[in-house]
């Protein structure tokens, strides 16, 4: 009888732990788009911090091939979202989730280039303005 009680207890605990894990009902989601090409930005780094801490993220992930992301949150509250990609300015957004609004929709965030120069104009790429570009 003692062995059967242990098996029943273990089964109950296992079932309860799966139920608790499945209860994660809070999310943040969005799409990341490049500001110049207007194309989605795959594999950008997504970090989610508590609103009061900007050092240790709660979650770290990446956007998928279509620039989309969806991250689960541990509980309702205030959070900070940062999205970064090589050669782009970091997107920094604050958001909150609650039982009334369990999913924060970051919608479409735009990644801007770190450089203010346009590569379509050859003169704007010239680091020394006294030397004229041969392209006219």
Protein backbone atom coordinates (compact mmCIF):
# COMPACT_ATOMS: atom_id res chain seq x y z
CA UNK A 1 0.00 0.00 0.00
CA UNK A 2 2.88 2.35 0.77
CA UNK A 3 4.28 1.98 -2.78
CA UNK A 4 0.89 2.71 -4.37
CA UNK A 5 0.47 5.86 -2.26
CA UNK A 6 3.88 7.11 -3.44
CA UNK A 7 2.96 6.50 -7.08
CA UNK A 8 -0.36 8.34 -6.68
CA UNK A 9 1.35 11.25 -4.89
CA UNK A 10 4.05 11.53 -7.57
CA UNK A 11 1.41 11.46 -10.31
CA UNK A 12 -0.55 14.24 -8.62
CA UNK A 13 2.55 16.41 -8.18
CA UNK A 14 3.59 15.86 -11.78
CA UNK A 15 0.13 16.80 -13.03
CA UNK A 16 0.03 19.90 -10.82
CA UNK A 17 3.46 21.08 -11.99
CA UNK A 18 2.39 20.79 -15.64
CA UNK A 19 -0.73 22.80 -14.82
CA UNK A 20 1.33 25.55 -13.15
CA UNK A 21 3.71 25.76 -16.13
CA UNK A 22 0.77 25.97 -18.53
CA UNK A 23 -0.71 28.91 -16.59
CA UNK A 24 1.68 31.44 -18.15
CA UNK A 25 -0.95 33.73 -19.68
CA UNK A 26 1.02 36.98 -20.08
CA UNK A 27 2.88 37.84 -23.31
CA UNK A 28 4.47 40.61 -25.32
CA UNK A 29 4.53 40.33 -29.10
CA UNK A 30 5.40 42.43 -32.12
CA UNK A 31 7.09 42.77 -35.50
CA UNK A 32 10.39 44.50 -36.26
CA UNK A 33 10.88 46.40 -39.54
CA UNK A 34 13.93 48.14 -41.04
CA UNK A 35 13.34 51.89 -41.50
CA UNK A 36 15.17 52.18 -44.81
CA UNK A 37 14.22 49.00 -46.68
CA UNK A 38 10.82 48.54 -44.96
CA UNK A 39 11.59 44.84 -44.68
CA UNK A 40 11.24 42.73 -41.56
CA UNK A 41 14.37 42.33 -39.43
CA UNK A 42 15.16 38.66 -38.69
CA UNK A 43 17.29 37.51 -35.76
CA UNK A 44 17.31 40.81 -33.83
CA UNK A 45 17.90 40.42 -30.08
CA UNK A 46 14.84 40.94 -27.87
CA UNK A 47 15.35 41.59 -24.16
CA UNK A 48 12.65 42.02 -21.52
CA UNK A 49 13.51 43.67 -18.20
CA UNK A 50 11.45 44.45 -15.11
CA UNK A 51 10.57 48.17 -15.22
CA UNK A 52 12.88 48.87 -12.27
CA UNK A 53 15.94 46.92 -13.49
CA UNK A 54 17.86 47.55 -16.70
CA UNK A 55 20.81 45.26 -15.95
CA UNK A 56 19.49 41.71 -15.72
CA UNK A 57 16.83 40.74 -18.28
CA UNK A 58 14.00 38.39 -17.38
CA UNK A 59 13.87 37.04 -20.94
CA UNK A 60 16.20 37.11 -23.94
CA UNK A 61 15.14 35.96 -27.38
CA UNK A 62 15.40 36.74 -31.07
CA UNK A 63 12.96 37.73 -33.77
CA UNK A 64 12.05 34.94 -36.19
CA UNK A 65 12.67 34.87 -39.94
CA UNK A 66 9.73 37.26 -40.47
CA UNK A 67 10.87 39.74 -37.80
CA UNK A 68 8.15 38.59 -35.39
CA UNK A 69 8.60 37.88 -31.70
CA UNK A 70 6.40 36.64 -28.87
CA UNK A 71 7.75 36.23 -25.36
CA UNK A 72 5.98 34.85 -22.29
CA UNK A 73 6.03 36.93 -19.11
CA UNK A 74 6.07 35.49 -15.58
CA UNK A 75 3.36 37.72 -14.08
CA UNK A 76 1.37 40.92 -14.65
CA UNK A 77 3.23 44.19 -14.16
CA UNK A 78 5.40 46.87 -15.75
CA UNK A 79 8.22 45.85 -18.10
CA UNK A 80 10.82 47.33 -20.43
CA UNK A 81 11.49 45.91 -23.90
CA UNK A 82 14.72 46.49 -25.81
CA UNK A 83 15.37 45.25 -29.34
CA UNK A 84 18.80 45.51 -30.94
CA UNK A 85 20.41 44.51 -34.20
CA UNK A 86 23.89 45.03 -35.59
CA UNK A 87 24.30 48.50 -37.14
CA UNK A 88 20.89 49.70 -35.92
CA UNK A 89 19.71 51.94 -33.10
CA UNK A 90 18.26 50.06 -30.14
CA UNK A 91 14.48 50.19 -29.73
CA UNK A 92 13.49 50.85 -26.10
CA UNK A 93 9.82 50.58 -25.08
CA UNK A 94 7.95 50.37 -21.78
CA UNK A 95 4.78 48.32 -21.51
CA UNK A 96 2.54 46.62 -18.98
CA UNK A 97 0.36 43.53 -18.82
CA UNK A 98 -2.55 42.83 -16.49
CA UNK A 99 -5.38 40.36 -16.10
CA UNK A 100 -7.55 42.75 -18.14
CA UNK A 101 -4.88 43.02 -20.88
CA UNK A 102 -2.70 39.85 -20.73
CA UNK A 103 -0.92 40.48 -24.06
CA UNK A 104 1.06 43.64 -24.78
CA UNK A 105 1.17 44.25 -28.51
CA UNK A 106 4.34 46.11 -29.46
CA UNK A 107 2.88 46.27 -33.00
CA UNK A 108 5.49 47.24 -35.55
CA UNK A 109 8.71 48.71 -34.23
CA UNK A 110 11.08 50.33 -36.70
CA UNK A 111 14.85 49.85 -36.52
CA UNK A 112 16.76 52.90 -37.69
CA UNK A 113 20.31 52.86 -38.94
CA UNK A 114 22.95 54.18 -36.52
CA UNK A 115 24.27 56.45 -39.28
CA UNK A 116 22.39 59.58 -40.32
CA UNK A 117 24.04 59.56 -43.74
CA UNK A 118 22.29 58.36 -46.85
CA UNK A 119 24.21 55.97 -49.00
CA UNK A 120 22.37 57.04 -52.15
CA UNK A 121 24.36 60.32 -52.24
CA UNK A 122 28.08 59.66 -52.93
CA UNK A 123 29.11 63.08 -51.55
CA UNK A 124 27.54 62.38 -48.18
CA UNK A 125 29.83 59.34 -47.78
CA UNK A 126 32.98 61.38 -48.32
CA UNK A 127 34.75 61.65 -44.92
CA UNK A 128 36.85 64.62 -46.10
CA UNK A 129 34.62 67.36 -47.61
CA UNK A 130 37.64 69.21 -49.12
CA UNK A 131 38.28 66.29 -51.50
CA UNK A 132 35.63 66.27 -54.17
CA UNK A 133 34.14 63.03 -55.31
CA UNK A 134 34.84 62.09 -58.97
CA UNK A 135 31.20 61.02 -59.30
CA UNK A 136 29.00 63.86 -60.55
